[in-house]
Amino acid sequence: MLDNPQATKDALVQWIKDYFSQNGPNCSAVVGISGGKDSTIVAALCKEALGVERVVGVLMPNGIQSDIDDAKAVVNHLGIPRIIVNIGSAYEALINAIIQGEGYETVIGRADLSKDATINTPPRLRMTTLYAIGQNLQNGARVANTCNGSEDYVGYSTKYGDSAGDFSPLANLVVEEVRQIGRLLDIPKYLVDKSPSDGLSGQSDEAKLGFTYAVLDRYIRTGEIDDLETKKRIDHLNRINKHKLELMPSFYPQR
């Protein structure tokens, strides 16, 4: 884990300052606030780097969000401007439009959405929302990607959803390193140690993955792991999800 969390935190803040100085000196950072540790920490880092008026927190419940109070607590504690957009009606409208689309049932062979499509559509709507809000801010905006390195390693994100963004402060930090940074910030400490969950399945991320982030972090950083089956599962997830972190392949014709 981090030998000097304070130095890393300070370097992260400077990195955000440098990014904006080069990519939008007057722009704001738009951060989707879920109520979890990653978005909370990213918002706090951006506030420290840019100032309170240049960070916009966007809360995006899909209908009813069980931990919406945590998300509200984040923006209230940080004092940053906030916008709440309930994507529930947009989600329902899109789902209905898809499954009622002419030829859908014939081509797909079913009259509803698959589990994966049901899970991944809300994050993609949320990213659309963040960019739409950013483009309406007077001085423009850059959208924060709030994924951490552990999630990215096993593909625990939605392509063109929460894996998108303009800058990614936590992409090269594993979960425990993110928490080390979080403990140095002026944020509610219970959110730093909050168990990650997708808010959909009723399970924690770790329960769904089948291993803990502590095991994953250790494997990423040292290559050490005690259980061979867990190693195989992590390696498999890393292999099949690498496309989420790579540029889209493109064809180059011969000249």
Protein backbone atom coordinates (compact mmCIF):
# COMPACT_ATOMS: atom_id res chain seq x y z
CA MET A 1 0.00 0.00 0.00
CA LEU A 2 1.05 3.67 -0.06
CA ASP A 3 4.24 4.40 1.86
CA ASN A 4 3.37 8.08 2.11
CA PRO A 5 -0.37 8.69 1.68
CA GLN A 6 -0.03 12.42 2.39
CA ALA A 7 2.52 12.88 -0.39
CA THR A 8 0.31 10.91 -2.78
CA LYS A 9 -2.74 12.97 -1.84
CA ASP A 10 -0.86 16.22 -2.38
CA ALA A 11 0.45 14.96 -5.73
CA LEU A 12 -3.10 13.98 -6.75
CA VAL A 13 -4.40 17.44 -5.97
CA GLN A 14 -1.58 18.98 -8.00
CA TRP A 15 -2.28 16.54 -10.85
CA ILE A 16 -5.91 17.71 -10.98
CA LYS A 17 -4.77 21.35 -10.97
CA ASP A 18 -2.34 20.65 -13.83
CA TYR A 19 -4.98 18.76 -15.81
CA PHE A 20 -7.41 21.66 -15.65
CA SER A 21 -4.77 24.29 -16.36
CA GLN A 22 -4.06 22.47 -19.62
CA ASN A 23 -7.57 21.26 -20.48
CA GLY A 24 -9.93 23.97 -19.30
CA PRO A 25 -8.49 26.65 -16.99
CA ASN A 26 -11.95 28.01 -16.19
CA CYS A 27 -13.90 24.77 -16.40
CA SER A 28 -15.64 23.04 -13.53
CA ALA A 29 -15.32 19.42 -12.52
CA VAL A 30 -18.58 17.49 -12.76
CA VAL A 31 -18.72 14.52 -10.40
CA GLY A 32 -21.49 11.95 -10.21
CA ILE A 33 -22.11 11.50 -6.49
CA SER A 34 -23.27 8.00 -5.56
CA GLY A 35 -22.76 8.16 -1.81
CA GLY A 36 -19.82 5.74 -1.99
CA LYS A 37 -16.19 6.31 -1.14
CA ASP A 38 -14.81 6.80 -4.65
CA SER A 39 -17.08 9.61 -5.82
CA THR A 40 -16.84 11.22 -2.37
CA ILE A 41 -13.05 11.19 -2.46
CA VAL A 42 -12.87 12.43 -6.05
CA ALA A 43 -15.22 15.31 -5.23
CA ALA A 44 -13.14 16.25 -2.18
CA LEU A 45 -9.89 16.14 -4.18
CA CYS A 46 -11.42 18.32 -6.89
CA LYS A 47 -12.66 20.80 -4.30
CA GLU A 48 -9.17 21.06 -2.83
CA ALA A 49 -7.64 21.47 -6.28
CA LEU A 50 -10.16 23.83 -7.88
CA GLY A 51 -12.17 25.45 -5.12
CA VAL A 52 -15.71 24.87 -3.97
CA GLU A 53 -17.42 26.81 -6.79
CA ARG A 54 -15.74 24.80 -9.54
CA VAL A 55 -16.99 21.37 -8.47
CA VAL A 56 -20.54 20.34 -9.28
CA GLY A 57 -21.96 17.24 -7.62
CA VAL A 58 -24.69 15.44 -9.54
CA LEU A 59 -26.93 12.95 -7.75
CA MET A 60 -28.73 10.57 -10.09
CA PRO A 61 -31.13 8.19 -8.35
CA ASN A 62 -32.93 5.68 -10.56
CA GLY A 63 -36.36 6.05 -8.99
CA ILE A 64 -35.73 5.33 -5.31
CA GLN A 65 -32.12 5.14 -4.08
CA SER A 66 -31.78 3.50 -0.68
CA ASP A 67 -28.62 5.41 0.26
CA ILE A 68 -29.52 8.78 -1.28
CA ASP A 69 -29.00 10.38 2.14
CA ASP A 70 -25.32 9.43 1.95
CA ALA A 71 -25.00 11.17 -1.42
CA LYS A 72 -26.73 14.27 -0.05
CA ALA A 73 -24.45 14.20 2.98
CA VAL A 74 -21.41 14.35 0.69
CA VAL A 75 -22.43 17.49 -1.19
CA ASN A 76 -23.73 19.15 1.97
CA HIS A 77 -20.50 18.42 3.84
CA LEU A 78 -18.30 19.64 0.99
CA GLY A 79 -20.53 22.64 0.34
CA ILE A 80 -20.32 22.18 -3.43
CA PRO A 81 -23.14 23.10 -5.84
CA ARG A 82 -25.43 20.15 -6.45
CA ILE A 83 -27.98 19.02 -8.99
CA ILE A 84 -30.33 16.08 -8.42
CA VAL A 85 -31.57 14.34 -11.56
CA ASN A 86 -33.82 11.34 -11.11
CA ILE A 87 -33.16 9.16 -14.15
CA GLY A 88 -36.00 6.77 -13.30
CA SER A 89 -38.50 8.04 -15.85
CA ALA A 90 -35.84 8.23 -18.59
CA TYR A 91 -34.75 4.68 -17.78
CA GLU A 92 -38.30 3.33 -17.90
CA ALA A 93 -39.03 5.21 -21.13
CA LEU A 94 -35.89 3.89 -22.81
CA ILE A 95 -36.47 0.32 -21.68
CA ASN A 96 -40.05 0.42 -22.92
CA ALA A 97 -38.98 1.95 -26.22
CA ILE A 98 -36.45 -0.83 -26.72
CA ILE A 99 -38.64 -3.79 -25.88
CA GLN A 100 -41.55 -2.32 -27.84
CA GLY A 101 -39.34 -1.58 -30.83
CA GLU A 102 -40.51 -3.01 -34.12
CA GLY A 103 -38.83 -6.38 -34.64
CA TYR A 104 -37.24 -6.48 -31.16
CA GLU A 105 -38.89 -9.66 -29.95
CA THR A 106 -38.38 -11.38 -33.31
CA VAL A 107 -34.67 -10.58 -33.47
CA ILE A 108 -33.86 -10.91 -29.76
CA GLY A 109 -36.15 -13.83 -29.03
CA ARG A 110 -37.54 -12.37 -25.82
CA ALA A 111 -39.86 -9.57 -24.79
CA ASP A 112 -37.74 -8.06 -22.04
CA LEU A 113 -34.21 -6.87 -21.33
CA SER A 114 -31.42 -9.19 -20.23
CA LYS A 115 -29.99 -8.93 -16.72
CA ASP A 116 -26.77 -7.35 -18.01
CA ALA A 117 -28.63 -4.76 -20.08
CA THR A 118 -30.85 -3.96 -17.11
CA ILE A 119 -27.80 -3.39 -14.88
CA ASN A 120 -25.68 -1.47 -17.39
CA THR A 121 -28.25 0.90 -18.87
CA PRO A 122 -28.57 3.19 -15.79
CA PRO A 123 -24.79 3.92 -15.61
CA ARG A 124 -24.85 4.85 -19.30
CA LEU A 125 -27.79 7.17 -18.74
CA ARG A 126 -25.93 8.70 -15.82
CA MET A 127 -22.88 9.42 -17.97
CA THR A 128 -25.13 11.03 -20.59
CA THR A 129 -26.58 13.16 -17.81
CA LEU A 130 -23.15 14.27 -16.54
CA TYR A 131 -22.02 15.37 -20.00
CA ALA A 132 -25.30 17.18 -20.67
CA ILE A 133 -24.96 19.10 -17.41
CA GLY A 134 -21.31 19.84 -18.11
CA GLN A 135 -22.13 21.30 -21.51
CA ASN A 136 -24.67 23.62 -19.91
CA LEU A 137 -22.28 25.12 -17.38
CA GLN A 138 -21.28 28.64 -18.34
CA ASN A 139 -17.54 28.03 -18.44
CA GLY A 140 -17.72 24.42 -19.55
CA ALA A 141 -16.76 21.33 -17.60
CA ARG A 142 -14.73 18.18 -17.46
CA VAL A 143 -16.40 14.99 -16.24
CA ALA A 144 -14.64 12.97 -13.55
CA ASN A 145 -14.24 9.23 -13.85
CA THR A 146 -14.48 7.90 -10.30
CA CYS A 147 -13.46 4.26 -10.86
CA ASN A 148 -10.53 2.90 -8.87
CA GLY A 149 -7.75 0.59 -10.03
CA SER A 150 -9.10 -2.51 -8.32
CA GLU A 151 -12.49 -2.16 -10.04
CA ASP A 152 -10.81 -1.48 -13.37
CA TYR A 153 -8.57 -4.54 -13.02
CA VAL A 154 -11.52 -6.94 -12.88
CA GLY A 155 -13.82 -4.93 -15.14
CA TYR A 156 -16.22 -3.94 -12.39
CA SER A 157 -17.54 -0.96 -14.30
CA THR A 158 -19.82 -0.27 -17.25
CA LYS A 159 -18.27 0.50 -20.61
CA TYR A 160 -19.37 3.99 -21.70
CA GLY A 161 -21.00 4.32 -18.28
CA ASP A 162 -19.00 4.88 -15.11
CA SER A 163 -15.84 3.79 -16.95
CA ALA A 164 -16.07 6.93 -19.11
CA GLY A 165 -14.97 10.45 -18.23
CA ASP A 166 -12.40 13.11 -19.06
CA PHE A 167 -9.97 12.57 -16.20
CA SER A 168 -9.50 9.71 -13.76
CA PRO A 169 -7.85 10.51 -10.41
CA LEU A 170 -8.16 7.03 -8.85
CA ALA A 171 -7.46 4.74 -11.82
CA ASN A 172 -3.98 3.79 -10.59
CA LEU A 173 -4.89 3.35 -6.93
CA VAL A 174 -6.27 0.12 -5.48
CA VAL A 175 -9.14 0.19 -2.98
CA GLU A 176 -7.08 0.31 0.20
CA GLU A 177 -4.87 3.05 -1.25
CA VAL A 178 -8.00 5.04 -2.09
CA ARG A 179 -9.11 4.63 1.51
CA GLN A 180 -5.69 5.81 2.72
CA ILE A 181 -6.21 8.99 0.69
CA GLY A 182 -9.78 9.32 1.93
CA ARG A 183 -8.73 9.27 5.57
CA LEU A 184 -6.67 12.42 4.95
CA LEU A 185 -9.57 14.38 3.46
CA ASP A 186 -12.28 16.40 5.14
CA ILE A 187 -15.11 13.97 4.38
CA PRO A 188 -17.40 11.80 6.54
CA LYS A 189 -15.18 8.90 7.57
CA TYR A 190 -18.00 6.35 7.53
CA LEU A 191 -18.19 6.81 3.76
CA VAL A 192 -14.50 5.98 3.35
CA ASP A 193 -15.05 2.51 4.81
CA LYS A 194 -18.54 1.99 3.39
CA SER A 195 -18.96 -1.42 1.75
CA PRO A 196 -19.17 -0.91 -2.03
CA SER A 197 -22.44 -1.97 -3.67
CA ASP A 198 -24.04 -1.49 -7.09
CA GLY A 199 -27.33 -0.56 -5.46
CA LEU A 200 -29.21 -2.98 -7.67
CA SER A 201 -28.60 -6.55 -6.63
CA GLY A 202 -28.83 -6.20 -2.86
CA GLN A 203 -25.31 -7.66 -2.63
CA SER A 204 -22.00 -6.01 -1.90
CA ASP A 205 -19.44 -5.79 -4.70
CA GLU A 206 -17.25 -8.30 -2.88
CA ALA A 207 -20.10 -10.79 -2.55
CA LYS A 208 -20.76 -10.58 -6.27
CA LEU A 209 -17.10 -10.80 -7.21
CA GLY A 210 -16.52 -13.80 -4.98
CA PHE A 211 -13.42 -12.37 -3.26
CA THR A 212 -12.54 -9.36 -1.13
CA TYR A 213 -10.86 -6.19 -2.32
CA ALA A 214 -8.13 -6.88 0.24
CA VAL A 215 -7.28 -10.12 -1.58
CA LEU A 216 -7.48 -8.38 -4.96
CA ASP A 217 -5.36 -5.41 -3.85
CA ARG A 218 -2.65 -7.70 -2.52
CA TYR A 219 -2.62 -9.70 -5.76
CA ILE A 220 -2.44 -6.57 -7.93
CA ARG A 221 0.37 -5.01 -5.93
CA THR A 222 2.47 -8.08 -5.05
CA GLY A 223 1.31 -10.95 -7.25
CA GLU A 224 0.71 -12.94 -4.08
CA ILE A 225 -2.51 -14.86 -3.48
CA ASP A 226 -3.34 -17.84 -1.29
CA ASP A 227 -6.21 -19.47 -3.16
CA LEU A 228 -5.58 -20.83 -6.66
CA GLU A 229 -9.24 -20.76 -7.67
CA THR A 230 -9.51 -17.11 -6.68
CA LYS A 231 -6.39 -16.37 -8.72
CA LYS A 232 -7.95 -18.07 -11.74
CA ARG A 233 -11.14 -16.04 -11.34
CA ILE A 234 -9.29 -12.73 -11.02
CA ASP A 235 -7.09 -13.53 -14.02
CA HIS A 236 -10.17 -14.49 -16.04
CA LEU A 237 -12.01 -11.27 -15.15
CA ASN A 238 -8.94 -9.19 -15.96
CA ARG A 239 -8.50 -10.91 -19.32
CA ILE A 240 -12.10 -10.64 -20.55
CA ASN A 241 -12.55 -7.03 -19.40
CA LYS A 242 -9.34 -5.45 -20.72
CA HIS A 243 -11.26 -4.01 -23.66
CA LYS A 244 -12.91 -1.56 -21.25
CA LEU A 245 -9.56 0.14 -20.62
CA GLU A 246 -8.25 0.15 -24.18
CA LEU A 247 -8.87 2.53 -27.04
CA MET A 248 -11.41 1.32 -29.55
CA PRO A 249 -9.61 -0.72 -32.26
CA SER A 250 -9.60 1.05 -35.60
CA PHE A 251 -8.58 0.00 -39.09
CA TYR A 252 -5.69 1.75 -40.83
CA PRO A 253 -5.68 1.28 -44.62
CA GLN A 254 -2.43 0.84 -46.48
CA ARG A 255 -1.28 3.97 -48.36
